[in-house]
N, C-alpha and C. Protein backbone atom coordinates (compact mmCIF):
# COMPACT_ATOMS: atom_id res chain seq x y z
N MET A 1 89.95 113.72 95.41
CA MET A 1 89.66 112.97 94.21
C MET A 1 90.97 112.63 93.55
N LEU A 2 91.13 111.39 93.17
CA LEU A 2 92.35 110.94 92.53
C LEU A 2 92.08 110.68 91.05
N ASP A 3 91.58 111.67 90.36
CA ASP A 3 91.32 111.57 88.94
C ASP A 3 92.62 111.92 88.24
N THR A 4 93.18 111.00 87.45
CA THR A 4 94.53 111.20 86.95
C THR A 4 94.57 111.21 85.44
N ILE A 5 95.69 111.70 84.93
CA ILE A 5 95.95 111.72 83.50
C ILE A 5 96.58 110.39 83.11
N PRO A 6 96.09 109.76 82.02
CA PRO A 6 96.67 108.47 81.63
C PRO A 6 98.15 108.59 81.29
N GLN A 7 98.92 107.60 81.67
CA GLN A 7 100.34 107.50 81.38
C GLN A 7 100.55 106.32 80.44
N PRO A 8 101.69 106.29 79.72
CA PRO A 8 101.95 105.12 78.87
C PRO A 8 101.99 103.85 79.72
N ARG A 9 101.56 102.75 79.14
CA ARG A 9 101.59 101.48 79.87
C ARG A 9 102.21 100.40 78.99
N LEU A 10 102.70 99.38 79.65
CA LEU A 10 103.33 98.28 78.93
C LEU A 10 102.26 97.41 78.26
N ASP A 11 102.51 97.06 76.98
CA ASP A 11 101.65 96.09 76.31
C ASP A 11 101.85 94.72 76.92
N ASN A 12 103.10 94.35 77.07
CA ASN A 12 103.44 93.09 77.70
C ASN A 12 104.64 93.36 78.61
N PRO A 13 104.45 93.37 79.94
CA PRO A 13 105.54 93.74 80.84
C PRO A 13 106.77 92.86 80.70
N HIS A 14 106.60 91.64 80.19
CA HIS A 14 107.75 90.75 80.06
C HIS A 14 108.60 91.09 78.83
N GLN A 15 107.98 91.70 77.80
CA GLN A 15 108.73 92.08 76.61
C GLN A 15 109.28 93.49 76.72
N GLY A 16 108.68 94.33 77.55
CA GLY A 16 109.15 95.69 77.76
C GLY A 16 108.81 96.62 76.61
N THR A 17 107.77 96.34 75.83
CA THR A 17 107.39 97.24 74.74
C THR A 17 106.34 98.21 75.25
N TRP A 18 106.52 99.47 74.93
CA TRP A 18 105.60 100.50 75.39
C TRP A 18 104.59 100.81 74.30
N ARG A 19 103.41 101.15 74.70
CA ARG A 19 102.43 101.66 73.76
C ARG A 19 101.82 102.91 74.33
N GLN A 20 101.34 103.76 73.50
CA GLN A 20 100.72 104.99 73.94
C GLN A 20 99.34 104.65 74.53
N PRO A 21 98.91 105.40 75.54
CA PRO A 21 97.58 105.16 76.08
C PRO A 21 96.52 105.50 75.02
N HIS A 22 95.36 104.93 75.21
CA HIS A 22 94.26 105.22 74.29
C HIS A 22 93.94 106.70 74.37
N SER A 23 93.46 107.24 73.26
CA SER A 23 93.00 108.63 73.31
C SER A 23 91.83 108.68 74.29
N ALA A 24 91.51 109.88 74.72
CA ALA A 24 90.44 110.03 75.71
C ALA A 24 89.17 109.37 75.18
N PRO A 25 88.56 108.47 75.96
CA PRO A 25 87.38 107.77 75.48
C PRO A 25 86.21 108.73 75.30
N GLN A 26 85.37 108.42 74.34
CA GLN A 26 84.16 109.20 74.14
C GLN A 26 83.21 108.94 75.30
N PRO A 27 82.51 109.97 75.78
CA PRO A 27 81.62 109.76 76.92
C PRO A 27 80.63 108.63 76.72
N SER A 28 80.16 108.44 75.48
CA SER A 28 79.13 107.40 75.25
C SER A 28 79.73 105.99 75.34
N SER A 29 81.04 105.84 75.08
CA SER A 29 81.61 104.51 75.09
C SER A 29 82.35 104.18 76.39
N ALA A 30 82.77 105.17 77.13
CA ALA A 30 83.49 104.92 78.37
C ALA A 30 82.50 104.55 79.47
N PHE A 31 82.96 103.73 80.41
CA PHE A 31 82.11 103.33 81.53
C PHE A 31 82.98 103.15 82.75
N TRP A 32 82.36 103.18 83.92
CA TRP A 32 83.05 103.00 85.18
C TRP A 32 82.82 101.59 85.68
N VAL A 33 83.85 101.00 86.27
CA VAL A 33 83.74 99.70 86.94
C VAL A 33 84.26 99.88 88.37
N VAL A 34 83.94 98.92 89.22
CA VAL A 34 84.35 98.97 90.62
C VAL A 34 85.47 97.97 90.85
N ALA A 35 86.57 98.45 91.42
CA ALA A 35 87.67 97.57 91.82
C ALA A 35 87.65 97.44 93.33
N GLN A 36 87.65 96.21 93.82
CA GLN A 36 87.77 95.97 95.25
C GLN A 36 89.26 95.91 95.57
N THR A 37 89.67 96.62 96.61
CA THR A 37 91.08 96.68 96.93
C THR A 37 91.41 95.82 98.14
N ASN A 38 92.68 95.60 98.34
CA ASN A 38 93.13 94.96 99.58
C ASN A 38 92.83 95.93 100.73
N PRO A 39 92.79 95.45 101.97
CA PRO A 39 92.48 96.33 103.10
C PRO A 39 93.42 97.53 103.15
N GLN A 40 92.85 98.70 103.26
CA GLN A 40 93.56 99.98 103.40
C GLN A 40 94.54 100.23 102.25
N ALA A 41 94.23 99.73 101.06
CA ALA A 41 95.12 99.88 99.91
C ALA A 41 94.47 100.70 98.79
N GLU A 42 93.44 101.46 99.10
CA GLU A 42 92.72 102.19 98.06
C GLU A 42 93.62 103.19 97.33
N ARG A 43 94.38 103.98 98.08
CA ARG A 43 95.24 104.99 97.45
C ARG A 43 96.37 104.34 96.65
N TRP A 44 96.96 103.30 97.19
CA TRP A 44 98.03 102.59 96.51
C TRP A 44 97.52 102.01 95.19
N ALA A 45 96.37 101.34 95.24
CA ALA A 45 95.81 100.74 94.03
C ALA A 45 95.48 101.83 93.00
N SER A 46 94.93 102.95 93.45
CA SER A 46 94.61 104.04 92.52
C SER A 46 95.86 104.59 91.85
N THR A 47 96.93 104.76 92.62
CA THR A 47 98.20 105.26 92.07
C THR A 47 98.78 104.26 91.08
N GLU A 48 98.76 102.98 91.41
CA GLU A 48 99.31 101.96 90.52
C GLU A 48 98.51 101.87 89.22
N LEU A 49 97.21 101.98 89.31
CA LEU A 49 96.38 101.95 88.10
C LEU A 49 96.64 103.16 87.23
N ALA A 50 96.79 104.32 87.87
CA ALA A 50 97.11 105.55 87.11
C ALA A 50 98.45 105.41 86.40
N ARG A 51 99.41 104.79 87.05
CA ARG A 51 100.72 104.57 86.43
C ARG A 51 100.61 103.66 85.20
N ARG A 52 99.61 102.82 85.18
CA ARG A 52 99.39 101.92 84.04
C ARG A 52 98.50 102.56 82.97
N GLY A 53 98.09 103.80 83.20
CA GLY A 53 97.33 104.53 82.20
C GLY A 53 95.82 104.49 82.36
N TYR A 54 95.32 104.01 83.50
CA TYR A 54 93.89 103.95 83.71
C TYR A 54 93.44 105.17 84.50
N ARG A 55 92.28 105.68 84.18
CA ARG A 55 91.69 106.80 84.91
C ARG A 55 90.94 106.23 86.09
N THR A 56 91.21 106.75 87.28
CA THR A 56 90.59 106.22 88.50
C THR A 56 89.88 107.34 89.24
N TYR A 57 88.98 106.93 90.12
CA TYR A 57 88.29 107.87 91.00
C TYR A 57 88.13 107.21 92.36
N LEU A 58 88.69 107.85 93.36
CA LEU A 58 88.58 107.39 94.74
C LEU A 58 87.86 108.48 95.52
N PRO A 59 86.56 108.32 95.78
CA PRO A 59 85.84 109.34 96.55
C PRO A 59 86.31 109.35 97.99
N LEU A 60 86.59 110.53 98.51
CA LEU A 60 87.10 110.69 99.87
C LEU A 60 86.13 111.46 100.73
N LEU A 61 86.29 111.33 102.05
CA LEU A 61 85.43 111.95 103.04
C LEU A 61 86.29 112.49 104.16
N ALA A 62 86.04 113.74 104.57
CA ALA A 62 86.76 114.33 105.71
C ALA A 62 86.14 113.84 107.01
N VAL A 63 86.98 113.35 107.91
CA VAL A 63 86.52 112.90 109.23
C VAL A 63 87.46 113.46 110.30
N GLN A 64 86.96 113.54 111.52
CA GLN A 64 87.77 113.99 112.65
C GLN A 64 88.40 112.77 113.32
N ARG A 65 89.70 112.85 113.58
CA ARG A 65 90.42 111.79 114.28
C ARG A 65 91.23 112.39 115.40
N ARG A 66 91.39 111.61 116.46
CA ARG A 66 92.25 112.05 117.56
C ARG A 66 93.71 111.91 117.15
N ASP A 67 94.51 112.85 117.61
CA ASP A 67 95.95 112.80 117.39
C ASP A 67 96.51 111.65 118.22
N ARG A 68 97.25 110.75 117.61
CA ARG A 68 97.77 109.59 118.32
C ARG A 68 98.78 109.98 119.40
N ALA A 69 99.48 111.07 119.18
CA ALA A 69 100.51 111.48 120.14
C ALA A 69 99.88 112.09 121.39
N THR A 70 98.92 112.99 121.22
CA THR A 70 98.36 113.70 122.37
C THR A 70 97.07 113.07 122.87
N HIS A 71 96.38 112.31 122.06
CA HIS A 71 95.10 111.68 122.38
C HIS A 71 94.01 112.69 122.71
N ARG A 72 94.29 113.96 122.53
CA ARG A 72 93.28 114.97 122.84
C ARG A 72 92.92 115.81 121.62
N MET A 73 93.93 116.25 120.92
CA MET A 73 93.68 117.13 119.78
C MET A 73 93.03 116.36 118.65
N MET A 74 92.05 116.98 118.05
CA MET A 74 91.38 116.39 116.90
C MET A 74 91.96 117.04 115.64
N HIS A 75 92.09 116.26 114.60
CA HIS A 75 92.49 116.81 113.31
C HIS A 75 91.66 116.13 112.22
N THR A 76 91.59 116.78 111.08
CA THR A 76 90.79 116.28 109.97
C THR A 76 91.67 115.46 109.04
N VAL A 77 91.18 114.28 108.68
CA VAL A 77 91.87 113.43 107.71
C VAL A 77 90.88 113.02 106.63
N MET A 78 91.41 112.71 105.47
CA MET A 78 90.57 112.26 104.36
C MET A 78 90.64 110.73 104.30
N VAL A 79 89.48 110.09 104.35
CA VAL A 79 89.41 108.63 104.30
C VAL A 79 88.52 108.24 103.12
N PRO A 80 88.67 107.03 102.60
CA PRO A 80 87.80 106.60 101.49
C PRO A 80 86.33 106.60 101.90
N LEU A 81 85.50 107.09 101.02
CA LEU A 81 84.05 107.12 101.27
C LEU A 81 83.50 105.70 101.35
N PHE A 82 83.99 104.83 100.47
CA PHE A 82 83.61 103.41 100.48
C PHE A 82 84.89 102.62 100.71
N PRO A 83 85.22 102.32 101.98
CA PRO A 83 86.46 101.61 102.26
C PRO A 83 86.54 100.29 101.49
N GLY A 84 87.69 100.09 100.85
CA GLY A 84 87.92 98.86 100.12
C GLY A 84 87.51 98.90 98.66
N TYR A 85 87.07 100.06 98.16
CA TYR A 85 86.61 100.15 96.78
C TYR A 85 87.11 101.43 96.12
N LEU A 86 87.33 101.37 94.81
CA LEU A 86 87.59 102.55 93.99
C LEU A 86 87.01 102.29 92.61
N PHE A 87 86.88 103.34 91.82
CA PHE A 87 86.29 103.26 90.51
C PHE A 87 87.36 103.41 89.44
N VAL A 88 87.20 102.66 88.36
CA VAL A 88 88.14 102.71 87.24
C VAL A 88 87.33 102.94 85.97
N ASN A 89 87.78 103.92 85.16
CA ASN A 89 87.10 104.25 83.93
C ASN A 89 87.72 103.45 82.79
N LEU A 90 86.89 102.74 82.05
CA LEU A 90 87.36 101.91 80.95
C LEU A 90 86.58 102.25 79.69
N SER A 91 87.18 101.97 78.56
CA SER A 91 86.46 101.99 77.28
C SER A 91 86.40 100.55 76.82
N PRO A 92 85.53 100.25 75.87
CA PRO A 92 85.42 98.84 75.41
C PRO A 92 86.74 98.27 74.90
N ALA A 93 87.64 99.13 74.40
CA ALA A 93 88.92 98.65 73.86
C ALA A 93 89.97 98.43 74.93
N ASP A 94 89.77 98.96 76.14
CA ASP A 94 90.77 98.83 77.21
C ASP A 94 90.82 97.39 77.73
N PRO A 95 92.02 96.86 77.91
CA PRO A 95 92.11 95.56 78.56
C PRO A 95 91.84 95.72 80.06
N TRP A 96 91.08 94.82 80.64
CA TRP A 96 90.77 94.96 82.06
C TRP A 96 91.53 93.99 82.94
N SER A 97 92.21 93.00 82.36
CA SER A 97 92.97 92.09 83.20
C SER A 97 94.13 92.81 83.90
N PRO A 98 94.81 93.83 83.30
CA PRO A 98 95.83 94.55 84.05
C PRO A 98 95.26 95.30 85.26
N VAL A 99 93.98 95.70 85.19
CA VAL A 99 93.34 96.35 86.34
C VAL A 99 93.20 95.34 87.46
N ARG A 100 92.70 94.16 87.11
CA ARG A 100 92.48 93.11 88.10
C ARG A 100 93.78 92.66 88.75
N ASN A 101 94.89 92.72 88.00
CA ASN A 101 96.17 92.24 88.51
C ASN A 101 97.09 93.34 89.04
N ALA A 102 96.60 94.57 89.14
CA ALA A 102 97.43 95.68 89.61
C ALA A 102 97.68 95.53 91.12
N PRO A 103 98.84 95.99 91.59
CA PRO A 103 99.12 95.95 93.03
C PRO A 103 98.05 96.72 93.81
N GLY A 104 97.60 96.12 94.88
CA GLY A 104 96.58 96.74 95.72
C GLY A 104 95.16 96.36 95.35
N VAL A 105 94.95 95.83 94.15
CA VAL A 105 93.60 95.45 93.71
C VAL A 105 93.38 93.98 94.05
N ALA A 106 92.31 93.71 94.76
CA ALA A 106 91.96 92.33 95.12
C ALA A 106 91.16 91.68 94.00
N SER A 107 90.22 92.43 93.43
CA SER A 107 89.38 91.88 92.35
C SER A 107 88.58 93.01 91.71
N LEU A 108 87.95 92.67 90.61
CA LEU A 108 86.97 93.55 89.99
C LEU A 108 85.60 92.98 90.27
N LEU A 109 84.61 93.84 90.41
CA LEU A 109 83.24 93.36 90.58
C LEU A 109 82.76 92.94 89.19
N MET A 110 82.41 91.67 89.06
CA MET A 110 82.15 91.07 87.77
C MET A 110 80.67 90.70 87.60
N ALA A 111 80.24 90.64 86.32
CA ALA A 111 78.92 90.16 85.95
C ALA A 111 79.06 89.45 84.61
N CYS A 112 78.69 88.20 84.55
CA CYS A 112 78.75 87.41 83.31
C CYS A 112 80.15 87.37 82.73
N GLY A 113 81.16 87.26 83.57
CA GLY A 113 82.53 87.12 83.11
C GLY A 113 83.21 88.40 82.66
N ARG A 114 82.57 89.53 82.86
CA ARG A 114 83.14 90.83 82.49
C ARG A 114 82.95 91.79 83.66
N PRO A 115 83.76 92.83 83.74
CA PRO A 115 83.56 93.80 84.81
C PRO A 115 82.17 94.43 84.72
N GLU A 116 81.47 94.48 85.84
CA GLU A 116 80.13 95.07 85.86
C GLU A 116 80.24 96.59 85.76
N GLN A 117 79.46 97.16 84.86
CA GLN A 117 79.46 98.60 84.68
C GLN A 117 78.60 99.26 85.74
N VAL A 118 79.12 100.38 86.29
CA VAL A 118 78.36 101.16 87.25
C VAL A 118 77.27 101.89 86.47
N ARG A 119 76.11 101.95 87.04
CA ARG A 119 74.98 102.63 86.39
C ARG A 119 75.38 104.04 85.98
N HIS A 120 75.02 104.41 84.78
CA HIS A 120 75.38 105.71 84.21
C HIS A 120 74.90 106.85 85.14
N GLY A 121 75.78 107.76 85.45
CA GLY A 121 75.46 108.94 86.24
C GLY A 121 75.79 108.82 87.72
N LEU A 122 75.98 107.61 88.24
CA LEU A 122 76.24 107.47 89.68
C LEU A 122 77.62 108.02 90.06
N VAL A 123 78.66 107.67 89.31
CA VAL A 123 80.00 108.18 89.63
C VAL A 123 80.05 109.68 89.44
N GLU A 124 79.39 110.18 88.41
CA GLU A 124 79.36 111.62 88.18
C GLU A 124 78.66 112.33 89.33
N ALA A 125 77.61 111.72 89.89
CA ALA A 125 76.93 112.30 91.05
C ALA A 125 77.86 112.29 92.27
N LEU A 126 78.64 111.24 92.44
CA LEU A 126 79.61 111.21 93.53
C LEU A 126 80.66 112.31 93.34
N GLN A 127 81.14 112.47 92.11
CA GLN A 127 82.15 113.50 91.83
C GLN A 127 81.60 114.90 92.10
N ALA A 128 80.32 115.11 91.81
CA ALA A 128 79.71 116.42 92.05
C ALA A 128 79.68 116.77 93.54
N GLY A 129 79.70 115.76 94.40
CA GLY A 129 79.67 115.99 95.84
C GLY A 129 81.03 116.05 96.50
N ASP A 130 82.11 115.98 95.72
CA ASP A 130 83.47 115.98 96.29
C ASP A 130 83.73 117.19 97.16
N ALA A 131 83.39 118.38 96.71
CA ALA A 131 83.69 119.59 97.47
C ALA A 131 82.96 119.58 98.82
N ALA A 132 81.74 119.08 98.83
CA ALA A 132 80.97 119.05 100.07
C ALA A 132 81.56 118.08 101.09
N ARG A 133 82.26 117.05 100.63
CA ARG A 133 82.83 116.05 101.53
C ARG A 133 84.25 116.38 101.97
N GLN A 134 84.83 117.47 101.47
CA GLN A 134 86.22 117.82 101.82
C GLN A 134 86.33 118.57 103.14
N SER A 135 85.22 118.97 103.69
CA SER A 135 85.25 119.61 105.01
C SER A 135 84.11 119.03 105.84
N ILE A 136 84.25 119.19 107.13
CA ILE A 136 83.23 118.67 108.03
C ILE A 136 82.19 119.75 108.22
N ALA A 137 81.00 119.47 107.73
CA ALA A 137 79.91 120.46 107.79
C ALA A 137 79.15 120.31 109.10
N PRO A 138 78.64 121.43 109.60
CA PRO A 138 77.78 121.32 110.79
C PRO A 138 76.50 120.57 110.45
N PRO A 139 75.90 119.93 111.44
CA PRO A 139 74.68 119.18 111.17
C PRO A 139 73.61 120.09 110.57
N SER A 140 72.87 119.52 109.64
CA SER A 140 71.81 120.26 108.96
C SER A 140 70.58 119.39 108.92
N THR A 141 69.42 120.01 108.84
CA THR A 141 68.20 119.23 108.75
C THR A 141 67.90 118.84 107.31
N ALA A 142 68.51 119.52 106.33
CA ALA A 142 68.27 119.20 104.93
C ALA A 142 69.47 118.47 104.34
N TRP A 143 69.22 117.42 103.58
CA TRP A 143 70.28 116.68 102.92
C TRP A 143 70.62 117.35 101.62
N GLN A 144 71.90 117.34 101.27
CA GLN A 144 72.39 117.93 100.03
C GLN A 144 72.98 116.83 99.16
N PRO A 145 72.96 116.97 97.81
CA PRO A 145 73.61 115.98 96.95
C PRO A 145 75.08 115.84 97.31
N GLY A 146 75.56 114.62 97.38
CA GLY A 146 76.96 114.34 97.71
C GLY A 146 77.22 114.20 99.19
N ALA A 147 76.21 114.40 100.03
CA ALA A 147 76.40 114.31 101.48
C ALA A 147 76.58 112.84 101.90
N PRO A 148 77.64 112.56 102.67
CA PRO A 148 77.81 111.19 103.15
C PRO A 148 76.80 110.89 104.26
N CYS A 149 76.29 109.68 104.27
CA CYS A 149 75.31 109.30 105.27
C CYS A 149 75.42 107.81 105.53
N ARG A 150 74.63 107.35 106.47
CA ARG A 150 74.54 105.91 106.77
C ARG A 150 73.05 105.59 106.87
N LEU A 151 72.67 104.48 106.29
CA LEU A 151 71.28 104.04 106.43
C LEU A 151 71.15 103.36 107.78
N SER A 152 70.24 103.84 108.61
CA SER A 152 70.16 103.34 109.97
C SER A 152 69.03 102.34 110.22
N HIS A 153 68.10 102.20 109.30
CA HIS A 153 66.97 101.32 109.49
C HIS A 153 66.69 100.54 108.21
N GLY A 154 65.73 99.64 108.32
CA GLY A 154 65.27 98.92 107.15
C GLY A 154 66.23 97.85 106.67
N PRO A 155 66.00 97.32 105.49
CA PRO A 155 66.82 96.23 105.00
C PRO A 155 68.26 96.63 104.70
N PHE A 156 68.52 97.92 104.56
CA PHE A 156 69.87 98.39 104.26
C PHE A 156 70.54 99.01 105.48
N GLY A 157 70.03 98.70 106.67
CA GLY A 157 70.58 99.27 107.89
C GLY A 157 72.08 99.08 108.02
N GLN A 158 72.77 100.12 108.42
CA GLN A 158 74.22 100.16 108.66
C GLN A 158 75.07 100.19 107.40
N TYR A 159 74.46 100.43 106.22
CA TYR A 159 75.25 100.61 105.01
C TYR A 159 75.66 102.07 104.88
N ASP A 160 76.92 102.30 104.51
CA ASP A 160 77.37 103.64 104.20
C ASP A 160 76.82 104.03 102.84
N ALA A 161 76.44 105.31 102.70
CA ALA A 161 75.81 105.76 101.46
C ALA A 161 76.18 107.21 101.19
N VAL A 162 75.77 107.67 100.03
CA VAL A 162 75.93 109.07 99.62
C VAL A 162 74.63 109.52 99.01
N VAL A 163 74.15 110.70 99.40
CA VAL A 163 72.91 111.23 98.86
C VAL A 163 73.12 111.61 97.40
N ILE A 164 72.28 111.10 96.54
CA ILE A 164 72.31 111.45 95.12
C ILE A 164 71.27 112.52 94.81
N THR A 165 70.02 112.23 95.20
CA THR A 165 68.92 113.16 95.01
C THR A 165 68.16 113.32 96.32
N PRO A 166 68.26 114.50 96.95
CA PRO A 166 67.53 114.69 98.20
C PRO A 166 66.05 114.93 97.95
N GLY A 167 65.27 114.62 98.95
CA GLY A 167 63.83 114.87 98.88
C GLY A 167 63.32 115.08 100.30
N ARG A 168 62.08 115.53 100.42
CA ARG A 168 61.52 115.74 101.76
C ARG A 168 61.27 114.43 102.49
N ALA A 169 60.62 113.52 101.83
CA ALA A 169 60.28 112.26 102.47
C ALA A 169 61.18 111.11 102.03
N ILE A 170 61.65 111.13 100.78
CA ILE A 170 62.46 110.07 100.20
C ILE A 170 63.71 110.68 99.58
N CYS A 171 64.86 110.06 99.85
CA CYS A 171 66.13 110.46 99.23
C CYS A 171 66.65 109.28 98.40
N THR A 172 67.23 109.58 97.28
CA THR A 172 67.91 108.57 96.48
C THR A 172 69.37 108.60 96.89
N VAL A 173 69.89 107.43 97.27
CA VAL A 173 71.28 107.32 97.74
C VAL A 173 72.01 106.27 96.93
N ALA A 174 73.34 106.42 96.87
CA ALA A 174 74.21 105.40 96.25
C ALA A 174 74.81 104.59 97.39
N VAL A 175 74.72 103.26 97.26
CA VAL A 175 75.19 102.34 98.29
C VAL A 175 76.04 101.26 97.62
N MET A 176 77.15 100.90 98.25
CA MET A 176 77.98 99.80 97.77
C MET A 176 77.48 98.55 98.48
N MET A 177 76.77 97.66 97.72
CA MET A 177 76.28 96.43 98.32
C MET A 177 76.08 95.38 97.26
N PHE A 178 76.08 94.13 97.69
CA PHE A 178 75.89 92.98 96.81
C PHE A 178 76.88 93.01 95.65
N GLY A 179 78.08 93.50 95.91
CA GLY A 179 79.13 93.48 94.91
C GLY A 179 79.01 94.52 93.83
N ALA A 180 78.25 95.59 94.07
CA ALA A 180 78.12 96.63 93.05
C ALA A 180 77.62 97.92 93.69
N MET A 181 77.78 99.00 92.95
CA MET A 181 77.23 100.29 93.37
C MET A 181 75.75 100.28 92.99
N ARG A 182 74.89 100.47 93.98
CA ARG A 182 73.44 100.42 93.77
C ARG A 182 72.83 101.78 94.10
N GLN A 183 71.74 102.09 93.45
CA GLN A 183 70.96 103.29 93.72
C GLN A 183 69.70 102.86 94.44
N VAL A 184 69.44 103.44 95.61
CA VAL A 184 68.34 103.02 96.48
C VAL A 184 67.54 104.24 96.90
N ASP A 185 66.23 104.11 96.91
CA ASP A 185 65.37 105.14 97.48
C ASP A 185 65.08 104.78 98.92
N ALA A 186 65.35 105.71 99.83
CA ALA A 186 65.17 105.44 101.26
C ALA A 186 64.43 106.60 101.92
N PRO A 187 63.60 106.32 102.89
CA PRO A 187 62.94 107.41 103.63
C PRO A 187 64.00 108.29 104.30
N THR A 188 63.78 109.57 104.30
CA THR A 188 64.74 110.53 104.83
C THR A 188 65.04 110.24 106.30
N GLU A 189 64.07 109.75 107.06
CA GLU A 189 64.33 109.49 108.48
C GLU A 189 65.25 108.29 108.70
N TRP A 190 65.50 107.49 107.68
CA TRP A 190 66.45 106.38 107.79
C TRP A 190 67.88 106.83 107.64
N LEU A 191 68.12 108.06 107.23
CA LEU A 191 69.47 108.56 106.99
C LEU A 191 70.01 109.20 108.26
N GLU A 192 71.27 108.92 108.54
CA GLU A 192 71.96 109.60 109.63
C GLU A 192 73.31 110.08 109.11
N ALA A 193 73.81 111.18 109.67
CA ALA A 193 75.07 111.77 109.22
C ALA A 193 76.23 110.85 109.56
N ARG A 194 77.24 110.92 108.74
CA ARG A 194 78.46 110.14 108.96
C ARG A 194 79.61 111.09 109.15
């Protein structure tokens, strides 16, 4: 998780005047938005936004990869859960154009000319599953909150997802689609481990 402490940021980079970052936003007024990054630039964009004083969240997932040198040994690496996307926490007073123009950021997911807010509770549910995604768990028959999965059937087939609320027959999952983070109810048999 790349949740960072806000740093001072430039009011106008051309004038070189510094201003103090906003005080910590109140939970009721702060909201999360989705930033689409350039290919394989999620960590860079998150670091650059943090340097500008924005709080970011990049959900990661442990995966097994072959060692390029030996081609035999497997090692665990952390990769973005949603490749090409990260979350930025804003308050209504925060300017969002510096987020859109930060190095590594391709665009913000917009609605009606403003950054679209992620549904309340979805990012927090992703954050609650961080510990479960930091190691590779053995296959299990029961889904746990925060478990990475892929939808294998239906209209959302082949979308990467994260279990938000497990159930016997139906699981609620978070999916990045149609330019936003969406919450979808899917039959449990449509989920496969990632």
